[in-house]
Amino acid sequence: VADLHGDTLEQARRGNNLQKPTSLNEKGEPINGVGDTPNRHDMLTGS
């Protein structure tokens, strides 16, 4: 959880590995993002 959110300076520097190539759906498919049609990169979080 701390790594995911960059709670420490070292974790913030390193960063998590959530990017377009790794943020996949349960089928292993990438999510359309900026430059794709339609763009679907907005994720509900409320956070």
All heavy atoms as atom14 arrays in JSON, in Angstrom:
{
  "sequence": "VADLHGDTLEQARRGNNLQKPTSLNEKGEPINGVGDTPNRHDMLTGS",
  "atom14_mask": [
    [1, 1, 1, 1, 1, 1, 1, 0, 0, 0, 0, 0, 0, 0],
    [1, 1, 1, 1, 1, 0, 0, 0, 0, 0, 0, 0, 0, 0],
    [1, 1, 1, 1, 1, 1, 1, 1, 0, 0, 0, 0, 0, 0],
    [1, 1, 1, 1, 1, 1, 1, 1, 0, 0, 0, 0, 0, 0],
    [1, 1, 1, 1, 1, 1, 1, 1, 1, 1, 0, 0, 0, 0],
    [1, 1, 1, 1, 0, 0, 0, 0, 0, 0, 0, 0, 0, 0],
    [1, 1, 1, 1, 1, 1, 1, 1, 0, 0, 0, 0, 0, 0],
    [1, 1, 1, 1, 1, 1, 1, 0, 0, 0, 0, 0, 0, 0],
    [1, 1, 1, 1, 1, 1, 1, 1, 0, 0, 0, 0, 0, 0],
    [1, 1, 1, 1, 1, 1, 1, 1, 1, 0, 0, 0, 0, 0],
    [1, 1, 1, 1, 1, 1, 1, 1, 1, 0, 0, 0, 0, 0],
    [1, 1, 1, 1, 1, 0, 0, 0, 0, 0, 0, 0, 0, 0],
    [1, 1, 1, 1, 1, 1, 1, 1, 1, 1, 1, 0, 0, 0],
    [1, 1, 1, 1, 1, 1, 1, 1, 1, 1, 1, 0, 0, 0],
    [1, 1, 1, 1, 0, 0, 0, 0, 0, 0, 0, 0, 0, 0],
    [1, 1, 1, 1, 1, 1, 1, 1, 0, 0, 0, 0, 0, 0],
    [1, 1, 1, 1, 1, 1, 1, 1, 0, 0, 0, 0, 0, 0],
    [1, 1, 1, 1, 1, 1, 1, 1, 0, 0, 0, 0, 0, 0],
    [1, 1, 1, 1, 1, 1, 1, 1, 1, 0, 0, 0, 0, 0],
    [1, 1, 1, 1, 1, 1, 1, 1, 1, 0, 0, 0, 0, 0],
    [1, 1, 1, 1, 1, 1, 1, 0, 0, 0, 0, 0, 0, 0],
    [1, 1, 1, 1, 1, 1, 1, 0, 0, 0, 0, 0, 0, 0],
    [1, 1, 1, 1, 1, 1, 0, 0, 0, 0, 0, 0, 0, 0],
    [1, 1, 1, 1, 1, 1, 1, 1, 0, 0, 0, 0, 0, 0],
    [1, 1, 1, 1, 1, 1, 1, 1, 0, 0, 0, 0, 0, 0],
    [1, 1, 1, 1, 1, 1, 1, 1, 1, 0, 0, 0, 0, 0],
    [1, 1, 1, 1, 1, 1, 1, 1, 1, 0, 0, 0, 0, 0],
    [1, 1, 1, 1, 0, 0, 0, 0, 0, 0, 0, 0, 0, 0],
    [1, 1, 1, 1, 1, 1, 1, 1, 1, 0, 0, 0, 0, 0],
    [1, 1, 1, 1, 1, 1, 1, 0, 0, 0, 0, 0, 0, 0],
    [1, 1, 1, 1, 1, 1, 1, 1, 0, 0, 0, 0, 0, 0],
    [1, 1, 1, 1, 1, 1, 1, 1, 0, 0, 0, 0, 0, 0],
    [1, 1, 1, 1, 0, 0, 0, 0, 0, 0, 0, 0, 0, 0],
    [1, 1, 1, 1, 1, 1, 1, 0, 0, 0, 0, 0, 0, 0],
    [1, 1, 1, 1, 0, 0, 0, 0, 0, 0, 0, 0, 0, 0],
    [1, 1, 1, 1, 1, 1, 1, 1, 0, 0, 0, 0, 0, 0],
    [1, 1, 1, 1, 1, 1, 1, 0, 0, 0, 0, 0, 0, 0],
    [1, 1, 1, 1, 1, 1, 1, 0, 0, 0, 0, 0, 0, 0],
    [1, 1, 1, 1, 1, 1, 1, 1, 0, 0, 0, 0, 0, 0],
    [1, 1, 1, 1, 1, 1, 1, 1, 1, 1, 1, 0, 0, 0],
    [1, 1, 1, 1, 1, 1, 1, 1, 1, 1, 0, 0, 0, 0],
    [1, 1, 1, 1, 1, 1, 1, 1, 0, 0, 0, 0, 0, 0],
    [1, 1, 1, 1, 1, 1, 1, 1, 0, 0, 0, 0, 0, 0],
    [1, 1, 1, 1, 1, 1, 1, 1, 0, 0, 0, 0, 0, 0],
    [1, 1, 1, 1, 1, 1, 1, 0, 0, 0, 0, 0, 0, 0],
    [1, 1, 1, 1, 0, 0, 0, 0, 0, 0, 0, 0, 0, 0],
    [1, 1, 1, 1, 1, 1, 0, 0, 0, 0, 0, 0, 0, 0]
  ],
  "atom14_positions": [
    [[0.84, -1.2, 0.0], [0.0, 0.0, 0.0], [0.87, 1.25, 0.0], [0.6, 2.21, -0.72], [-0.94, 0.0, 1.22], [-1.7, 1.31, 1.33], [-1.94, -1.16, 1.12], [0.0, 0.0, 0.0], [0.0, 0.0, 0.0], [0.0, 0.0, 0.0], [0.0, 0.0, 0.0], [0.0, 0.0, 0.0], [0.0, 0.0, 0.0], [0.0, 0.0, 0.0]],
    [[1.93, 1.25, 0.81], [2.82, 2.4, 0.87], [3.54, 2.61, -0.45], [3.72, 3.74, -0.91], [3.83, 2.22, 2.0], [0.0, 0.0, 0.0], [0.0, 0.0, 0.0], [0.0, 0.0, 0.0], [0.0, 0.0, 0.0], [0.0, 0.0, 0.0], [0.0, 0.0, 0.0], [0.0, 0.0, 0.0], [0.0, 0.0, 0.0], [0.0, 0.0, 0.0]],
    [[3.94, 1.52, -1.09], [4.6, 1.6, -2.4], [3.63, 2.14, -3.45], [3.99, 2.97, -4.28], [5.1, 0.21, -2.79], [5.76, 0.18, -4.15], [6.74, 0.91, -4.36], [5.31, -0.6, -5.01], [0.0, 0.0, 0.0], [0.0, 0.0, 0.0], [0.0, 0.0, 0.0], [0.0, 0.0, 0.0], [0.0, 0.0, 0.0], [0.0, 0.0, 0.0]],
    [[2.4, 1.69, -3.38], [1.38, 2.11, -4.33], [1.16, 3.62, -4.28], [0.96, 4.28, -5.31], [0.07, 1.38, -4.04], [-1.11, 1.59, -4.98], [-0.81, 1.04, -6.37], [-2.36, 0.92, -4.41], [0.0, 0.0, 0.0], [0.0, 0.0, 0.0], [0.0, 0.0, 0.0], [0.0, 0.0, 0.0], [0.0, 0.0, 0.0], [0.0, 0.0, 0.0]],
    [[1.23, 4.19, -3.08], [0.91, 5.61, -2.89], [2.13, 6.5, -2.69], [2.0, 7.71, -2.56], [-0.04, 5.78, -1.7], [-1.37, 5.14, -1.9], [-1.65, 3.85, -1.53], [-2.5, 5.63, -2.48], [-2.9, 3.56, -1.84], [-3.44, 4.62, -2.43], [0.0, 0.0, 0.0], [0.0, 0.0, 0.0], [0.0, 0.0, 0.0], [0.0, 0.0, 0.0]],
    [[3.33, 5.93, -2.66], [4.52, 6.74, -2.47], [4.56, 7.41, -1.11], [4.79, 8.62, -1.0], [0.0, 0.0, 0.0], [0.0, 0.0, 0.0], [0.0, 0.0, 0.0], [0.0, 0.0, 0.0], [0.0, 0.0, 0.0], [0.0, 0.0, 0.0], [0.0, 0.0, 0.0], [0.0, 0.0, 0.0], [0.0, 0.0, 0.0], [0.0, 0.0, 0.0]],
    [[4.35, 6.64, -0.04], [4.25, 7.22, 1.29], [5.58, 7.77, 1.81], [5.59, 8.71, 2.6], [3.72, 6.18, 2.28], [2.23, 5.93, 2.12], [1.58, 6.68, 1.38], [1.71, 4.99, 2.75], [0.0, 0.0, 0.0], [0.0, 0.0, 0.0], [0.0, 0.0, 0.0], [0.0, 0.0, 0.0], [0.0, 0.0, 0.0], [0.0, 0.0, 0.0]],
    [[6.69, 7.16, 1.44], [7.99, 7.65, 1.87], [8.69, 8.33, 0.69], [8.3, 8.14, -0.47], [8.87, 6.52, 2.4], [9.24, 5.66, 1.3], [8.14, 5.71, 3.46], [0.0, 0.0, 0.0], [0.0, 0.0, 0.0], [0.0, 0.0, 0.0], [0.0, 0.0, 0.0], [0.0, 0.0, 0.0], [0.0, 0.0, 0.0], [0.0, 0.0, 0.0]],
    [[9.73, 9.07, 0.99], [10.47, 9.74, -0.08], [11.05, 8.73, -1.06], [11.04, 8.94, -2.27], [11.58, 10.61, 0.51], [11.12, 11.87, 1.25], [12.32, 12.57, 1.86], [10.38, 12.82, 0.31], [0.0, 0.0, 0.0], [0.0, 0.0, 0.0], [0.0, 0.0, 0.0], [0.0, 0.0, 0.0], [0.0, 0.0, 0.0], [0.0, 0.0, 0.0]],
    [[11.56, 7.61, -0.54], [12.13, 6.59, -1.42], [11.04, 5.96, -2.29], [11.23, 5.75, -3.49], [12.83, 5.52, -0.59], [13.3, 4.3, -1.4], [14.28, 4.65, -2.51], [14.94, 5.71, -2.43], [14.37, 3.87, -3.48], [0.0, 0.0, 0.0], [0.0, 0.0, 0.0], [0.0, 0.0, 0.0], [0.0, 0.0, 0.0], [0.0, 0.0, 0.0]],
    [[9.9, 5.66, -1.7], [8.8, 5.08, -2.48], [8.27, 6.07, -3.49], [7.91, 5.69, -4.61], [7.7, 4.61, -1.54], [8.07, 3.36, -0.76], [7.2, 3.17, 0.46], [6.63, 4.11, 1.01], [7.08, 1.92, 0.91], [0.0, 0.0, 0.0], [0.0, 0.0, 0.0], [0.0, 0.0, 0.0], [0.0, 0.0, 0.0], [0.0, 0.0, 0.0]],
    [[8.23, 7.34, -3.13], [7.78, 8.37, -4.07], [8.77, 8.51, -5.22], [8.38, 8.67, -6.38], [7.61, 9.7, -3.35], [0.0, 0.0, 0.0], [0.0, 0.0, 0.0], [0.0, 0.0, 0.0], [0.0, 0.0, 0.0], [0.0, 0.0, 0.0], [0.0, 0.0, 0.0], [0.0, 0.0, 0.0], [0.0, 0.0, 0.0], [0.0, 0.0, 0.0]],
    [[10.05, 8.44, -4.91], [11.07, 8.54, -5.97], [10.97, 7.36, -6.93], [11.04, 7.52, -8.14], [12.47, 8.58, -5.34], [13.6, 8.72, -6.37], [14.94, 8.34, -5.79], [14.99, 6.94, -5.46], [15.16, 5.97, -6.35], [15.29, 6.26, -7.64], [15.2, 4.72, -5.97], [0.0, 0.0, 0.0], [0.0, 0.0, 0.0], [0.0, 0.0, 0.0]],
    [[10.81, 6.18, -6.36], [10.76, 4.97, -7.17], [9.47, 4.89, -7.97], [9.46, 4.52, -9.14], [10.92, 3.74, -6.27], [11.02, 2.42, -7.03], [11.3, 1.28, -6.06], [10.19, 1.09, -5.12], [10.33, 1.11, -3.81], [11.51, 1.32, -3.25], [9.28, 0.92, -3.02], [0.0, 0.0, 0.0], [0.0, 0.0, 0.0], [0.0, 0.0, 0.0]],
    [[8.35, 5.21, -7.32], [7.05, 5.16, -7.99], [6.51, 3.74, -8.11], [7.25, 2.76, -8.0], [0.0, 0.0, 0.0], [0.0, 0.0, 0.0], [0.0, 0.0, 0.0], [0.0, 0.0, 0.0], [0.0, 0.0, 0.0], [0.0, 0.0, 0.0], [0.0, 0.0, 0.0], [0.0, 0.0, 0.0], [0.0, 0.0, 0.0], [0.0, 0.0, 0.0]],
    [[5.21, 3.62, -8.29], [4.64, 2.3, -8.56], [4.75, 2.0, -10.05], [5.31, 2.79, -10.81], [3.19, 2.21, -8.05], [2.27, 3.22, -8.73], [2.3, 3.38, -9.94], [1.45, 3.92, -7.95], [0.0, 0.0, 0.0], [0.0, 0.0, 0.0], [0.0, 0.0, 0.0], [0.0, 0.0, 0.0], [0.0, 0.0, 0.0], [0.0, 0.0, 0.0]],
    [[4.23, 0.87, -10.45], [4.36, 0.45, -11.85], [3.01, 0.48, -12.56], [2.74, -0.33, -13.43], [4.97, -0.96, -11.93], [5.44, -1.3, -13.34], [5.84, -0.43, -14.1], [5.38, -2.57, -13.69], [0.0, 0.0, 0.0], [0.0, 0.0, 0.0], [0.0, 0.0, 0.0], [0.0, 0.0, 0.0], [0.0, 0.0, 0.0], [0.0, 0.0, 0.0]],
    [[2.16, 1.41, -12.18], [0.88, 1.58, -12.87], [1.05, 2.57, -14.0], [1.22, 3.77, -13.78], [-0.19, 2.07, -11.89], [-0.76, 1.01, -10.95], [-1.65, 1.65, -9.91], [-1.52, -0.05, -11.72], [0.0, 0.0, 0.0], [0.0, 0.0, 0.0], [0.0, 0.0, 0.0], [0.0, 0.0, 0.0], [0.0, 0.0, 0.0], [0.0, 0.0, 0.0]],
    [[1.04, 2.07, -15.21], [1.14, 2.86, -16.43], [0.22, 2.2, -17.46], [-0.36, 1.15, -17.2], [2.58, 2.88, -16.95], [3.62, 3.35, -15.95], [3.62, 4.85, -15.74], [3.02, 5.59, -16.51], [4.29, 5.31, -14.69], [0.0, 0.0, 0.0], [0.0, 0.0, 0.0], [0.0, 0.0, 0.0], [0.0, 0.0, 0.0], [0.0, 0.0, 0.0]],
    [[0.1, 2.78, -18.63], [-0.81, 2.22, -19.63], [-0.49, 0.76, -19.97], [-1.41, -0.07, -20.05], [-0.81, 3.07, -20.9], [-1.84, 2.59, -21.92], [-1.9, 3.5, -23.13], [-2.95, 3.01, -24.13], [-3.04, 3.89, -25.31], [0.0, 0.0, 0.0], [0.0, 0.0, 0.0], [0.0, 0.0, 0.0], [0.0, 0.0, 0.0], [0.0, 0.0, 0.0]],
    [[0.78, 0.36, -20.17], [1.05, -1.04, -20.52], [0.76, -2.04, -19.41], [0.63, -3.23, -19.68], [2.54, -1.03, -20.87], [2.87, 0.38, -21.17], [2.0, 1.17, -20.25], [0.0, 0.0, 0.0], [0.0, 0.0, 0.0], [0.0, 0.0, 0.0], [0.0, 0.0, 0.0], [0.0, 0.0, 0.0], [0.0, 0.0, 0.0], [0.0, 0.0, 0.0]],
    [[0.69, -1.59, -18.17], [0.48, -2.51, -17.06], [-0.9, -2.39, -16.42], [-1.32, -3.28, -15.68], [1.54, -2.27, -15.96], [1.53, -0.9, -15.59], [2.92, -2.65, -16.47], [0.0, 0.0, 0.0], [0.0, 0.0, 0.0], [0.0, 0.0, 0.0], [0.0, 0.0, 0.0], [0.0, 0.0, 0.0], [0.0, 0.0, 0.0], [0.0, 0.0, 0.0]],
    [[-1.59, -1.3, -16.68], [-2.94, -1.11, -16.12], [-3.95, -1.81, -17.02], [-4.62, -1.19, -17.84], [-3.25, 0.38, -15.99], [-2.39, 1.0, -15.06], [0.0, 0.0, 0.0], [0.0, 0.0, 0.0], [0.0, 0.0, 0.0], [0.0, 0.0, 0.0], [0.0, 0.0, 0.0], [0.0, 0.0, 0.0], [0.0, 0.0, 0.0], [0.0, 0.0, 0.0]],
    [[-4.07, -3.12, -16.84], [-4.86, -3.96, -17.73], [-6.18, -4.35, -17.07], [-6.31, -4.36, -15.84], [-4.08, -5.24, -18.07], [-2.66, -5.04, -18.6], [-1.99, -6.4, -18.81], [-2.66, -4.23, -19.89], [0.0, 0.0, 0.0], [0.0, 0.0, 0.0], [0.0, 0.0, 0.0], [0.0, 0.0, 0.0], [0.0, 0.0, 0.0], [0.0, 0.0, 0.0]],
    [[-7.16, -4.72, -17.9], [-8.39, -5.25, -17.34], [-8.22, -6.73, -17.02], [-7.15, -7.3, -17.21], [-9.59, -4.97, -18.25], [-9.52, -5.71, -19.58], [-8.86, -6.74, -19.72], [-10.22, -5.19, -20.58], [0.0, 0.0, 0.0], [0.0, 0.0, 0.0], [0.0, 0.0, 0.0], [0.0, 0.0, 0.0], [0.0, 0.0, 0.0], [0.0, 0.0, 0.0]],
    [[-9.28, -7.34, -16.52], [-9.18, -8.74, -16.08], [-8.95, -9.71, -17.22], [-8.54, -10.86, -17.0], [-10.44, -9.14, -15.29], [-11.68, -9.39, -16.13], [-12.45, -8.13, -16.5], [-11.98, -7.02, -16.18], [-13.54, -8.25, -17.09], [0.0, 0.0, 0.0], [0.0, 0.0, 0.0], [0.0, 0.0, 0.0], [0.0, 0.0, 0.0], [0.0, 0.0, 0.0]],
    [[-9.15, -9.26, -18.45], [-8.9, -10.08, -19.63], [-7.47, -9.92, -20.14], [-7.11, -10.54, -21.14], [-9.88, -9.71, -20.73], [-11.34, -9.85, -20.33], [-12.27, -9.33, -21.43], [-13.72, -9.37, -21.0], [-14.63, -8.84, -22.05], [0.0, 0.0, 0.0], [0.0, 0.0, 0.0], [0.0, 0.0, 0.0], [0.0, 0.0, 0.0], [0.0, 0.0, 0.0]],
    [[-6.7, -9.07, -19.49], [-5.34, -8.81, -19.94], [-5.26, -7.78, -21.04], [-4.23, -7.66, -21.71], [0.0, 0.0, 0.0], [0.0, 0.0, 0.0], [0.0, 0.0, 0.0], [0.0, 0.0, 0.0], [0.0, 0.0, 0.0], [0.0, 0.0, 0.0], [0.0, 0.0, 0.0], [0.0, 0.0, 0.0], [0.0, 0.0, 0.0], [0.0, 0.0, 0.0]],
    [[-6.32, -7.0, -21.21], [-6.38, -6.0, -22.28], [-6.04, -4.62, -21.75], [-6.43, -4.27, -20.63], [-7.78, -5.98, -22.89], [-8.24, -7.3, -23.47], [-9.73, -7.33, -23.76], [-10.48, -6.52, -23.17], [-10.14, -8.19, -24.57], [0.0, 0.0, 0.0], [0.0, 0.0, 0.0], [0.0, 0.0, 0.0], [0.0, 0.0, 0.0], [0.0, 0.0, 0.0]],
    [[-5.33, -3.8, -22.54], [-5.05, -2.43, -22.12], [-6.32, -1.58, -22.19], [-7.26, -1.89, -22.9], [-4.01, -1.95, -23.13], [-4.28, -2.77, -24.36], [-4.73, -4.12, -23.85], [0.0, 0.0, 0.0], [0.0, 0.0, 0.0], [0.0, 0.0, 0.0], [0.0, 0.0, 0.0], [0.0, 0.0, 0.0], [0.0, 0.0, 0.0], [0.0, 0.0, 0.0]],
    [[-6.31, -0.49, -21.44], [-7.42, 0.45, -21.4], [-7.11, 1.62, -22.32], [-6.0, 2.17, -22.28], [-7.65, 0.97, -19.98], [-7.83, -0.2, -18.99], [-8.86, 1.9, -19.93], [-8.97, -1.12, -19.3], [0.0, 0.0, 0.0], [0.0, 0.0, 0.0], [0.0, 0.0, 0.0], [0.0, 0.0, 0.0], [0.0, 0.0, 0.0], [0.0, 0.0, 0.0]],
    [[-8.06, 1.98, -23.17], [-7.86, 3.14, -24.04], [-7.49, 4.37, -23.21], [-8.1, 4.63, -22.17], [-9.13, 3.44, -24.84], [-9.29, 2.56, -26.04], [-8.56, 1.6, -26.23], [-10.27, 2.88, -26.87], [0.0, 0.0, 0.0], [0.0, 0.0, 0.0], [0.0, 0.0, 0.0], [0.0, 0.0, 0.0], [0.0, 0.0, 0.0], [0.0, 0.0, 0.0]],
    [[-6.5, 5.11, -23.72], [-6.07, 6.32, -23.04], [-6.0, 7.49, -23.99], [-6.65, 7.5, -25.05], [0.0, 0.0, 0.0], [0.0, 0.0, 0.0], [0.0, 0.0, 0.0], [0.0, 0.0, 0.0], [0.0, 0.0, 0.0], [0.0, 0.0, 0.0], [0.0, 0.0, 0.0], [0.0, 0.0, 0.0], [0.0, 0.0, 0.0], [0.0, 0.0, 0.0]],
    [[-5.21, 8.49, -23.62], [-5.03, 9.67, -24.45], [-4.49, 9.25, -25.81], [-3.52, 8.5, -25.91], [-4.08, 10.67, -23.78], [-3.75, 11.82, -24.72], [-4.71, 11.21, -22.49], [0.0, 0.0, 0.0], [0.0, 0.0, 0.0], [0.0, 0.0, 0.0], [0.0, 0.0, 0.0], [0.0, 0.0, 0.0], [0.0, 0.0, 0.0], [0.0, 0.0, 0.0]],
    [[-5.14, 9.71, -26.87], [-4.75, 9.35, -28.23], [-5.55, 8.21, -28.81], [-5.48, 7.95, -30.01], [0.0, 0.0, 0.0], [0.0, 0.0, 0.0], [0.0, 0.0, 0.0], [0.0, 0.0, 0.0], [0.0, 0.0, 0.0], [0.0, 0.0, 0.0], [0.0, 0.0, 0.0], [0.0, 0.0, 0.0], [0.0, 0.0, 0.0], [0.0, 0.0, 0.0]],
    [[-6.31, 7.49, -27.97], [-7.17, 6.4, -28.44], [-8.6, 6.9, -28.56], [-9.0, 7.87, -27.92], [-7.14, 5.22, -27.46], [-5.76, 4.62, -27.3], [-5.04, 4.54, -28.31], [-5.41, 4.24, -26.17], [0.0, 0.0, 0.0], [0.0, 0.0, 0.0], [0.0, 0.0, 0.0], [0.0, 0.0, 0.0], [0.0, 0.0, 0.0], [0.0, 0.0, 0.0]],
    [[-9.39, 6.2, -29.39], [-10.79, 6.55, -29.57], [-11.66, 5.34, -29.29], [-11.53, 4.32, -29.94], [-11.06, 7.05, -31.0], [-10.2, 8.18, -31.27], [-12.5, 7.49, -31.17], [0.0, 0.0, 0.0], [0.0, 0.0, 0.0], [0.0, 0.0, 0.0], [0.0, 0.0, 0.0], [0.0, 0.0, 0.0], [0.0, 0.0, 0.0], [0.0, 0.0, 0.0]],
    [[-12.55, 5.42, -28.28], [-12.7, 6.56, -27.36], [-11.69, 6.47, -26.22], [-11.21, 5.38, -25.9], [-14.12, 6.38, -26.83], [-14.3, 4.89, -26.81], [-13.57, 4.37, -28.04], [0.0, 0.0, 0.0], [0.0, 0.0, 0.0], [0.0, 0.0, 0.0], [0.0, 0.0, 0.0], [0.0, 0.0, 0.0], [0.0, 0.0, 0.0], [0.0, 0.0, 0.0]],
    [[-11.38, 7.6, -25.63], [-10.54, 7.63, -24.44], [-11.36, 7.14, -23.25], [-12.45, 7.64, -23.0], [-10.05, 9.06, -24.2], [-9.19, 9.2, -22.97], [-8.75, 8.2, -22.39], [-8.92, 10.42, -22.57], [0.0, 0.0, 0.0], [0.0, 0.0, 0.0], [0.0, 0.0, 0.0], [0.0, 0.0, 0.0], [0.0, 0.0, 0.0], [0.0, 0.0, 0.0]],
    [[-10.84, 6.15, -22.52], [-11.57, 5.61, -21.37], [-10.7, 5.57, -20.12], [-10.87, 4.72, -19.25], [-12.07, 4.19, -21.7], [-12.9, 4.08, -22.96], [-13.22, 2.64, -23.31], [-14.32, 2.11, -22.55], [-14.41, 0.84, -22.13], [-13.43, -0.01, -22.37], [-15.45, 0.43, -21.46], [0.0, 0.0, 0.0], [0.0, 0.0, 0.0], [0.0, 0.0, 0.0]],
    [[-9.72, 6.48, -20.04], [-8.72, 6.36, -18.97], [-9.18, 6.88, -17.61], [-8.48, 6.68, -16.62], [-7.41, 7.05, -19.38], [-7.47, 8.54, -19.42], [-6.34, 9.31, -19.65], [-8.49, 9.44, -19.3], [-6.66, 10.59, -19.64], [-7.95, 10.69, -19.44], [0.0, 0.0, 0.0], [0.0, 0.0, 0.0], [0.0, 0.0, 0.0], [0.0, 0.0, 0.0]],
    [[-10.33, 7.54, -17.53], [-10.83, 8.04, -16.24], [-11.29, 6.89, -15.36], [-12.22, 6.16, -15.7], [-12.0, 9.0, -16.45], [-11.57, 10.38, -16.9], [-10.36, 10.68, -16.86], [-12.45, 11.16, -17.31], [0.0, 0.0, 0.0], [0.0, 0.0, 0.0], [0.0, 0.0, 0.0], [0.0, 0.0, 0.0], [0.0, 0.0, 0.0], [0.0, 0.0, 0.0]],
    [[-10.66, 6.75, -14.2], [-11.0, 5.7, -13.24], [-11.7, 6.3, -12.03], [-11.22, 7.26, -11.42], [-9.73, 4.98, -12.76], [-8.95, 4.29, -13.86], [-9.81, 2.84, -14.53], [-10.06, 3.39, -16.24], [0.0, 0.0, 0.0], [0.0, 0.0, 0.0], [0.0, 0.0, 0.0], [0.0, 0.0, 0.0], [0.0, 0.0, 0.0], [0.0, 0.0, 0.0]],
    [[-12.85, 5.77, -11.67], [-13.53, 6.2, -10.46], [-12.69, 5.84, -9.24], [-12.26, 4.69, -9.09], [-14.89, 5.51, -10.33], [-15.89, 5.67, -11.48], [-17.11, 4.78, -11.23], [-16.3, 7.12, -11.66], [0.0, 0.0, 0.0], [0.0, 0.0, 0.0], [0.0, 0.0, 0.0], [0.0, 0.0, 0.0], [0.0, 0.0, 0.0], [0.0, 0.0, 0.0]],
    [[-12.44, 6.82, -8.36], [-11.73, 6.53, -7.11], [-12.32, 7.26, -5.92], [-12.28, 6.75, -4.8], [-10.23, 6.9, -7.2], [-10.08, 8.32, -7.2], [-9.57, 6.29, -8.43], [0.0, 0.0, 0.0], [0.0, 0.0, 0.0], [0.0, 0.0, 0.0], [0.0, 0.0, 0.0], [0.0, 0.0, 0.0], [0.0, 0.0, 0.0], [0.0, 0.0, 0.0]],
    [[-12.79, 8.49, -6.1], [-13.28, 9.27, -4.97], [-12.2, 9.59, -3.95], [-12.52, 9.88, -2.79], [0.0, 0.0, 0.0], [0.0, 0.0, 0.0], [0.0, 0.0, 0.0], [0.0, 0.0, 0.0], [0.0, 0.0, 0.0], [0.0, 0.0, 0.0], [0.0, 0.0, 0.0], [0.0, 0.0, 0.0], [0.0, 0.0, 0.0], [0.0, 0.0, 0.0]],
    [[-10.95, 9.57, -4.37], [-9.84, 9.61, -3.42], [-8.89, 10.77, -3.66], [-8.76, 11.28, -4.77], [-9.04, 8.3, -3.5], [-9.85, 7.18, -3.25], [0.0, 0.0, 0.0], [0.0, 0.0, 0.0], [0.0, 0.0, 0.0], [0.0, 0.0, 0.0], [0.0, 0.0, 0.0], [0.0, 0.0, 0.0], [0.0, 0.0, 0.0], [0.0, 0.0, 0.0]]
  ]
}
